[in-house]
Structure formats: C-alpha cells, structure tokens
Protein backbone atom coordinates (compact mmCIF):
# COMPACT_ATOMS: atom_id res chain seq x y z
CA MET A 1 225.24 10.18 63.79
CA PHE A 2 225.28 13.41 61.79
CA VAL A 3 223.29 16.15 63.56
CA ASP A 4 223.25 19.62 62.03
CA ARG A 5 220.29 21.29 63.78
CA VAL A 6 219.21 21.30 67.43
CA VAL A 7 217.11 23.54 69.67
CA LEU A 8 218.39 23.99 73.21
CA GLU A 9 217.11 25.75 76.32
CA ILE A 10 220.03 27.44 78.02
CA GLN A 11 220.13 29.23 81.36
CA ALA A 12 223.05 31.00 83.00
CA GLY A 13 223.49 30.78 86.77
CA LYS A 14 221.80 33.11 89.22
CA GLY A 15 223.99 35.38 91.32
CA GLY A 16 224.30 34.63 95.03
CA ASP A 17 222.47 36.82 97.57
CA GLY A 18 224.32 39.30 99.73
CA ALA A 19 224.41 38.60 103.49
CA VAL A 20 223.16 40.68 106.40
CA SER A 21 225.50 40.02 109.32
CA PHE A 22 227.15 41.88 112.21
CA LEU A 23 230.45 41.16 113.85
CA ARG A 24 230.11 39.81 117.39
CA GLU A 25 233.32 39.09 119.25
CA LYS A 26 234.55 39.33 122.81
CA PHE A 27 235.45 42.88 123.69
CA ARG A 28 233.88 44.02 120.38
CA PRO A 29 230.16 44.09 121.12
CA LYS A 30 229.51 46.54 118.27
CA GLY A 31 231.88 45.35 115.59
CA GLY A 32 229.72 46.66 112.78
CA PRO A 33 228.37 45.02 109.63
CA ASP A 34 230.33 42.12 108.12
CA GLY A 35 227.93 40.61 105.52
CA GLY A 36 229.76 39.57 102.37
CA ASP A 37 228.68 39.88 98.75
CA GLY A 38 227.18 36.99 96.80
CA GLY A 39 229.17 35.29 94.04
CA ASP A 40 228.43 35.85 90.37
CA GLY A 41 226.50 33.14 88.55
CA GLY A 42 228.23 30.99 85.96
CA SER A 43 227.97 31.91 82.29
CA VAL A 44 227.30 29.63 79.32
CA ILE A 45 230.17 29.91 76.85
CA LEU A 46 230.31 28.42 73.35
CA ARG A 47 233.74 27.22 72.23
CA VAL A 48 234.80 26.09 68.74
CA ALA A 49 236.71 22.88 69.44
CA PRO A 50 238.82 20.70 67.15
CA GLY A 51 237.53 17.22 66.44
CA ARG A 52 233.89 18.30 66.38
CA MET A 53 232.14 17.78 63.04
CA THR A 54 228.47 17.69 64.07
CA LEU A 55 226.16 19.01 66.78
CA ALA A 56 225.55 15.50 68.15
CA ASP A 57 227.49 16.17 71.37
CA VAL A 58 225.52 19.25 72.43
CA GLY A 59 222.31 17.80 70.99
CA GLY A 60 222.39 14.89 73.44
CA ARG A 61 220.61 17.11 75.97
CA ARG A 62 217.91 19.71 75.54
CA HIS A 63 218.52 21.76 78.69
CA TYR A 64 221.77 23.32 79.89
CA ARG A 65 222.11 25.30 83.10
CA ALA A 66 225.27 26.89 84.50
CA ALA A 67 226.00 26.77 88.23
CA PRO A 68 224.62 29.56 90.45
CA GLY A 69 226.79 31.75 92.64
CA LYS A 70 226.97 31.05 96.37
CA ASN A 71 225.45 33.43 98.92
CA GLY A 72 227.63 35.84 100.88
CA MET A 73 228.57 34.97 104.45
CA ASN A 74 229.61 36.64 107.67
CA ARG A 75 233.11 38.01 108.32
CA ASN A 76 232.89 39.73 104.91
CA MET A 77 233.30 36.42 103.11
CA ALA A 78 232.07 36.68 99.52
CA GLY A 79 230.19 33.77 98.02
CA ARG A 80 231.96 31.57 95.51
CA GLY A 81 231.25 32.34 91.87
CA GLY A 82 229.38 29.73 89.83
CA GLU A 83 231.45 27.69 87.42
CA ASP A 84 231.08 28.60 83.77
CA LEU A 85 229.56 26.00 81.47
CA HIS A 86 231.46 25.47 78.22
CA LEU A 87 229.73 23.92 75.22
CA ASP A 88 232.02 22.67 72.45
CA VAL A 89 230.66 23.15 68.93
CA PRO A 90 232.12 22.52 65.45
CA PRO A 91 233.31 25.35 63.20
CA GLY A 92 230.51 26.72 61.07
CA THR A 93 227.95 26.75 63.89
CA LEU A 94 225.30 29.46 63.74
CA VAL A 95 223.17 30.28 66.77
CA TYR A 96 219.75 31.89 66.43
CA ASP A 97 217.26 33.18 68.98
CA ASP A 98 214.49 30.63 68.51
CA ALA A 99 211.77 33.13 69.35
CA THR A 100 212.80 35.96 67.03
CA GLY A 101 214.99 34.17 64.49
CA ALA A 102 217.74 36.75 65.00
CA LEU A 103 221.31 35.58 64.44
CA VAL A 104 223.17 35.61 67.76
CA ALA A 105 226.56 34.12 66.84
CA ASP A 106 228.44 32.80 63.81
CA LEU A 107 231.38 30.67 64.96
CA THR A 108 233.90 29.78 62.27
CA VAL A 109 237.40 29.88 63.81
CA TYR A 110 238.93 27.13 65.96
CA GLY A 111 239.46 28.28 69.55
CA ALA A 112 236.92 31.11 69.29
CA GLU A 113 234.67 31.62 72.30
CA PHE A 114 231.34 33.39 72.65
CA VAL A 115 229.42 34.14 75.84
CA LEU A 116 225.90 33.09 74.91
CA CYS A 117 224.27 33.68 78.32
CA ARG A 118 225.96 35.75 80.99
CA GLY A 119 225.60 34.81 84.64
CA GLY A 120 223.77 37.04 87.11
CA ARG A 121 225.67 39.53 89.28
CA GLY A 122 226.14 38.65 92.90
CA GLY A 123 224.11 40.62 95.46
CA ARG A 124 225.72 43.15 97.81
CA GLY A 125 226.13 42.40 101.50
CA ASN A 126 225.24 44.90 104.20
CA THR A 127 228.91 45.90 104.55
CA SER A 128 228.56 47.68 101.21
CA PHE A 129 225.77 49.89 102.57
CA ALA A 130 227.60 51.18 105.66
CA THR A 131 227.99 54.96 105.73
CA ALA A 132 228.89 57.55 108.31
CA LEU A 133 225.19 58.16 108.92
CA ASN A 134 224.12 54.52 108.76
CA GLN A 135 226.78 52.45 110.48
CA ALA A 136 224.58 49.40 111.07
CA PRO A 137 222.66 48.81 107.84
CA HIS A 138 220.23 45.92 107.72
CA THR A 139 220.13 46.02 103.95
CA ALA A 140 221.43 43.54 101.39
CA THR A 141 220.49 42.80 97.79
CA ARG A 142 219.58 39.58 96.08
CA GLY A 143 221.66 38.14 93.28
CA GLY A 144 220.69 38.97 89.73
CA LYS A 145 219.03 36.46 87.44
CA GLY A 146 221.21 34.90 84.77
CA GLU A 147 220.43 35.33 81.10
CA GLY A 148 218.67 32.50 79.32
CA GLY A 149 216.38 31.46 76.53
CA LYS A 150 215.74 28.98 73.75
CA PHE A 151 218.31 28.92 70.97
CA ARG A 152 218.48 27.15 67.62
CA PHE A 153 221.88 25.78 66.63
CA GLU A 154 222.53 25.15 62.94
CA LEU A 155 225.66 23.83 61.28
CA LYS A 156 226.98 25.04 57.95
CA LEU A 157 230.08 23.11 57.01
CA ILE A 158 233.11 25.20 56.10
CA ALA A 159 234.48 24.07 52.75
CA GLU A 160 235.96 25.76 49.69
CA VAL A 161 234.37 23.51 47.08
CA GLY A 162 230.83 22.14 47.17
CA ILE A 163 230.09 19.02 45.10
CA VAL A 164 226.57 18.87 43.66
CA GLY A 165 224.74 16.55 41.28
CA LEU A 166 221.92 14.06 40.93
CA PRO A 167 221.90 10.94 43.11
CA ASN A 168 224.39 8.32 41.91
CA ALA A 169 226.41 10.88 39.92
CA GLY A 170 229.61 9.64 41.55
CA LYS A 171 230.15 12.48 44.01
CA SER A 172 231.21 10.27 46.92
CA THR A 173 233.44 8.17 44.66
CA PHE A 174 235.22 11.30 43.49
CA LEU A 175 235.62 12.54 47.07
CA ALA A 176 237.12 9.21 48.13
CA CYS A 177 239.40 9.28 45.07
CA VAL A 178 241.01 12.66 45.76
CA THR A 179 240.89 12.75 49.60
CA ARG A 180 241.13 10.37 52.54
CA ALA A 181 237.41 10.67 53.24
CA THR A 182 235.51 7.38 53.43
CA PRO A 183 231.90 8.11 52.47
CA ARG A 184 229.54 5.24 51.90
CA ILE A 185 229.58 4.18 48.23
CA ALA A 186 227.06 1.89 46.51
CA SER A 187 225.41 1.39 43.13
CA TYR A 188 222.01 2.79 44.13
CA PRO A 189 220.73 6.35 44.65
CA PHE A 190 220.74 8.21 47.98
CA THR A 191 223.73 6.30 49.36
CA THR A 192 224.92 9.57 50.90
CA LEU A 193 222.50 10.58 53.63
CA HIS A 194 224.51 13.41 55.18
CA PRO A 195 227.35 15.71 54.07
CA HIS A 196 230.97 14.58 54.06
CA LEU A 197 234.14 16.68 54.14
CA GLY A 198 237.45 15.79 52.55
CA VAL A 199 240.81 17.54 52.23
CA ALA A 200 242.80 17.22 48.98
CA ASP A 201 246.45 18.15 48.57
CA VAL A 202 247.03 20.34 45.51
CA HIS A 203 250.75 21.10 45.22
CA GLY A 204 251.07 21.62 48.96
CA ARG A 205 247.80 23.55 49.28
CA GLU A 206 244.92 22.05 51.23
CA LEU A 207 241.63 22.16 49.36
CA VAL A 208 238.52 21.37 51.43
CA LEU A 209 235.64 19.72 49.54
CA ALA A 210 232.10 19.04 50.74
CA ASP A 211 229.93 16.26 49.30
CA ILE A 212 226.22 16.65 49.98
CA PRO A 213 223.35 14.20 49.36
CA GLY A 214 222.07 14.10 45.80
CA LEU A 215 219.31 16.40 44.62
CA ILE A 216 216.37 15.45 42.44
CA GLU A 217 213.84 17.51 40.56
CA GLY A 218 211.46 19.04 43.09
CA ALA A 219 213.96 18.90 45.96
CA SER A 220 213.12 22.53 46.75
CA GLU A 221 209.56 21.31 47.37
CA GLY A 222 210.71 18.57 49.74
CA LYS A 223 211.00 15.66 47.32
CA GLY A 224 213.72 13.07 47.90
CA LEU A 225 215.91 14.25 50.76
CA GLY A 226 214.88 17.84 50.05
CA ASP A 227 217.31 20.72 49.65
CA ASP A 228 217.97 21.34 53.33
CA PHE A 229 221.53 20.05 53.00
CA LEU A 230 222.32 22.81 50.50
CA ARG A 231 223.02 25.17 53.38
CA HIS A 232 226.24 23.24 53.95
CA ILE A 233 227.67 24.63 50.72
CA GLU A 234 226.52 28.23 51.21
CA ARG A 235 229.98 29.14 52.49
CA THR A 236 231.84 27.53 49.60
CA ARG A 237 233.68 29.61 47.01
CA VAL A 238 233.19 27.28 44.04
CA LEU A 239 230.75 24.54 43.02
CA LEU A 240 231.80 21.32 41.30
CA HIS A 241 228.86 20.00 39.30
CA LEU A 242 229.22 16.30 38.50
CA VAL A 243 227.02 14.84 35.77
CA ASP A 244 226.69 11.09 35.21
CA GLY A 245 227.75 10.43 31.62
CA SER A 246 226.54 6.82 31.66
CA ALA A 247 223.02 7.54 32.92
CA PRO A 248 221.31 7.34 29.46
CA ASP A 249 222.56 3.77 29.07
CA VAL A 250 220.66 2.62 32.17
CA GLY A 251 217.45 4.57 31.65
CA GLY A 252 218.63 7.78 33.30
CA PRO A 253 218.38 11.37 32.02
CA ALA A 254 220.63 12.80 29.34
CA PRO A 255 223.57 14.77 30.76
CA GLU A 256 222.08 18.05 29.54
CA ASP A 257 218.76 17.37 31.29
CA ALA A 258 220.51 16.31 34.49
CA TYR A 259 222.53 19.52 34.45
CA ARG A 260 219.44 21.70 33.98
CA THR A 261 217.64 19.90 36.82
CA ILE A 262 220.36 20.69 39.34
CA ARG A 263 220.71 24.27 38.14
CA GLY A 264 216.98 24.73 38.64
CA GLU A 265 217.14 23.44 42.21
CA LEU A 266 220.12 25.69 43.01
CA ALA A 267 218.24 28.70 41.69
CA ALA A 268 215.14 27.78 43.71
CA TYR A 269 217.05 27.50 46.99
CA ALA A 270 216.81 30.49 49.35
CA ASP A 271 217.69 33.69 47.44
CA GLY A 272 219.32 31.90 44.52
CA SER A 273 222.84 32.82 45.64
CA LEU A 274 224.11 29.26 45.09
CA ALA A 275 223.28 29.49 41.39
CA ARG A 276 225.48 32.60 41.15
CA LYS A 277 228.59 30.93 42.52
CA PRO A 278 231.46 30.06 40.14
CA GLU A 279 231.01 26.55 38.80
CA LEU A 280 233.10 23.86 37.15
CA VAL A 281 231.27 21.05 35.33
CA ALA A 282 232.62 17.53 34.79
CA LEU A 283 231.13 14.58 32.95
CA ASN A 284 231.75 11.71 35.34
CA LYS A 285 232.01 7.92 34.79
CA ALA A 286 233.95 8.36 31.56
CA ASP A 287 235.52 4.94 32.21
CA ALA A 288 232.11 3.32 31.57
CA LEU A 289 231.89 4.71 28.02
CA PRO A 290 233.83 4.22 24.79
CA ALA A 291 236.20 7.11 24.22
CA ASP A 292 234.34 8.49 21.19
CA GLU A 293 230.96 8.26 22.93
CA ALA A 294 232.32 9.99 26.07
CA GLU A 295 233.70 12.81 23.92
CA ALA A 296 230.43 13.19 22.03
CA ARG A 297 228.43 13.46 25.26
CA ARG A 298 230.97 15.89 26.70
CA ARG A 299 230.56 18.17 23.67
CA ALA A 300 226.76 18.01 23.88
CA LEU A 301 226.86 18.92 27.56
CA GLU A 302 229.37 21.68 26.87
CA ALA A 303 226.99 23.20 24.35
CA ALA A 304 224.18 23.14 26.94
CA VAL A 305 226.35 24.59 29.70
CA GLY A 306 228.01 27.26 27.60
CA ALA A 307 231.33 26.66 29.35
CA PRO A 308 234.12 24.06 29.20
CA VAL A 309 233.22 20.58 30.49
CA ARG A 310 235.86 18.10 31.66
CA LEU A 311 235.88 14.32 31.38
CA LEU A 312 236.27 12.55 34.72
CA SER A 313 236.37 9.08 36.21
CA GLY A 314 236.18 8.84 39.98
CA VAL A 315 236.95 5.12 39.76
CA SER A 316 240.13 5.23 37.66
CA GLY A 317 241.14 8.76 38.64
CA GLU A 318 241.17 9.92 35.01
CA GLY A 319 241.00 13.72 34.90
CA ALA A 320 240.92 14.03 38.71
CA ARG A 321 244.26 15.78 39.19
CA PRO A 322 243.74 18.44 36.48
CA LEU A 323 240.24 19.02 37.84
CA LEU A 324 241.61 19.59 41.36
CA GLU A 325 244.17 22.05 40.02
CA ALA A 326 241.44 23.94 38.17
CA LEU A 327 239.30 24.01 41.32
CA ALA A 328 242.19 25.35 43.42
CA ALA A 329 242.85 28.09 40.85
CA GLN A 330 239.15 29.00 40.78
CA VAL A 331 239.01 29.14 44.59
CA GLU A 332 242.04 31.42 44.75
CA ALA A 333 240.53 33.69 42.11
CA ALA A 334 237.25 33.85 44.05
CA GLN A 335 239.12 34.62 47.28
CA ALA A 336 241.09 37.40 45.58
CA GLU A 337 237.89 38.86 44.14
CA ALA A 338 236.21 38.78 47.56
CA ALA A 339 239.24 40.43 49.19
CA GLN A 340 239.25 43.13 46.51
CA ALA A 341 235.56 43.79 47.04
CA GLU A 342 236.05 44.07 50.82
CA SER A 343 238.97 46.46 50.29
CA ALA A 344 236.87 48.61 47.97
CA GLN A 345 234.06 48.75 50.53
CA ALA A 346 236.52 49.74 53.26
CA GLU A 347 237.96 52.51 51.09
CA ALA A 348 234.50 53.76 50.23
CA ALA A 349 233.58 53.85 53.92
CA SER A 350 236.73 55.78 54.86
CA ALA A 351 236.59 58.19 51.90
CA PRO A 352 234.34 60.81 53.60
CA ALA A 353 236.68 60.99 56.59
CA ALA A 354 239.71 61.34 54.30
CA ARG A 355 238.06 64.26 52.45
CA GLY A 356 237.49 66.03 55.74
CA ALA A 357 233.80 65.45 55.97
CA PRO A 358 232.18 67.27 58.88
CA GLY A 359 232.05 65.25 62.05
CA PRO A 360 228.99 64.91 64.27
CA GLY A 361 227.67 68.27 65.44
CA ARG A 362 230.00 70.26 63.16
CA ASN A 363 228.77 72.63 60.45
CA ASP A 364 231.39 73.74 57.92
CA ALA A 365 229.16 76.55 56.73
CA ASP A 366 229.10 78.00 60.23
CA GLU A 367 232.89 77.70 60.45
CA SER A 368 233.41 79.65 57.19
CA THR A 369 231.05 82.51 58.12
CA ARG A 370 232.03 82.87 61.75
CA THR A 371 233.73 86.20 62.65
CA PRO A 372 237.18 85.67 64.24
CA THR A 373 237.35 86.67 67.91
CA PRO A 374 239.88 89.51 68.46
CA LEU A 375 242.74 88.67 70.81
CA GLY A 376 244.06 90.94 73.47
CA ALA A 377 247.71 91.76 74.06
CA GLY A 378 248.17 88.75 76.32
CA GLY A 379 246.93 86.33 73.68
CA ALA A 380 243.62 85.63 75.46
CA ALA A 381 240.33 86.49 73.86
CA ALA A 382 239.32 90.09 74.61
CA ARG A 383 236.37 90.39 76.88
C-alpha cells in the first residue's frame, strides 16, 4: 500500500532520577555519599534507509516512545541509558510540526540521520553535590523530560523527470517501456492510483522518472483524484507532458485542449512553480494513427504549445529512445543552471567580506579619524 502522509505522536525517553545513598560498610561507618546519576533517556532518530519507498512502515503505528533511562543506584552506579528508537523513512521525507506547520526536517540522502526528539538528561545523584562544607548531601535531582510532540510526515518522491498528462494518456505504458517499473496498465482512466518511480539507462546515465495519477480539469478543486499527488514532482528538474493523440477518435478532447487543461492545473497548484519548470511535450499513441494523421495532429499541437512536439508510442517504443536522450540533456542543463545560480548566490554573499566590509562592532570612519597613539622608546604606548 502506498502511504505518503501520516501524523505521528512521538515522545523521547525520560531521564532516570539520581539516587540519594550513603556508603555503609564494616569499619567504614561514615563512608560518605555514593548515589549514582540517572541514565539519559533514549532519543527518537529518523534514518533514511534503502528499500523504503513509502511511509507505510512508520504509519502502521500512531504513537512512538523511546525507552526511558534507568535510575541511579548506590555505590555510585549510574543508571543505564535508554535505547534510542530509530525510525526508517524513504528519501524525500519531510517532517513538519503538526501544531505550527513549521518544517522540521527534509531528508533526501540515503544513510542520513536526524534526531527528531532528544531524550531527557539523567538526574544527578547526591555524590555530585558533596562539597567540603556539605560532605553528606541529601540532595539529588530528577531526570529531565524527553522532547516530544505531534509531527506530520509527508513524502515527496525524488525524481529528475515528472510525467504528467490526462488520465489514459499512456504515462504508465511509457514508464514500463523505458524502465523496469511495472505499473498497473489498463484501457480505462485512473488506472494509476499512486505514483510510480522508474530508472531508465541513457548511455550509462541513470535517469529517474516519476509517473503520477492523471489529472483532469478541476483537479485543483478536488475533482477526480485531485492534485495532491503533484507534490511528488515538485523536486523534479523537468516535466514530460504526454498528450493522447488518439483521444479525438474515441470522443476525447483534441490534443491542444488536453494540453491546455493540464497546463492550467499545473499553474493552479500551490505557487505555480510547476508550470515554470522546463517541459518536453510528446504526442503519444502514434501507433494508433495513420502516419499522415499523426503528423497533422503533431503540427497542430506544436502550434498550440509554441515549442517542438515529438511523436511517441509507448506500446511500440517509437520515439522513446530519442525522447529519453532529450530528457537527459534537459535535466543536465537544468542542473547546470541551478549550480550556476547557487554559485552566483554564494559569490554575492561573500563579496562584502572580500571587499573588506566592516565586521560587527567596527566603524571604518572611526578608524580613519582616530589619532595614532605615540609610542615610547621601549615600543609600548606612552602613558
């Protein structure tokens, strides 16, 4: 089952209490304090683990609690620390504070760990309070409370190419054609009910594609399956827009109308950033049309798009390889542009320091008008 959003209540372990104890042994009637410190409580740690594609594993429970620390004991024995609780999540997991909506963590790299709730500190035993003036303290502290709260986990799949289009546009067929993914494929709309990932090999380079459920007009208002799944392509560099070229023959919309419908839904989603992503458009199901009719519809769609449109058949594989190569080139160009923008921002941030901008608390005007202090014969400032 594909689960991409869960709300969990998480509590780190409480620290163990410090002990109040005094050493009592034969021939040592006043051995002094020997109460040990309490152990620290266990923390709750998120870990990006391989093999995880959904939040179904962590979503099987609604409450998670790490082990508490043990109390301190006599003979200066410290309590055992509580065992940390590790929660394995897929890459692309975002964690929000459910009360405030603030982003707490964005986990994208395999093996990355994040301490979501830190365990409480163990209390101090009375040995820690012994001083020269108070050699028999009866004081100890309780263990600290562990951090906790209610958190919302959301999954945004990490892919380089996001495949969009109306239901039954052939998105899943194309994904199965160019990758080893096995999405459900049928001749009726809304076959795809959750996103699928696939990895294509383009001249030795791995290209990750994400297929999301089809959109319909009004998806931004909740119609059909809604546009909630669009968040899974927010991280993509490039969009592949597939348009069903055979739809008019079975009572469906013209390719130009289908294209405008999807573009409208992309623009209506969130801040419209998806509509600003680089896009490649392909007229799919070319195998179901005569060659001259497929070319005529491609040209009509190209005029509506204002950019080149490719012919594609996910069934026969016609046009699939050149399309993958174009997608890989577009992804690399987008990555280079993003890296250049980040480099420019870094240079702009470091420019003031390079020009010798005044640091905190320094006034260059004061430095330029300050009268030099005369030095004595020994090199020290004259007094």
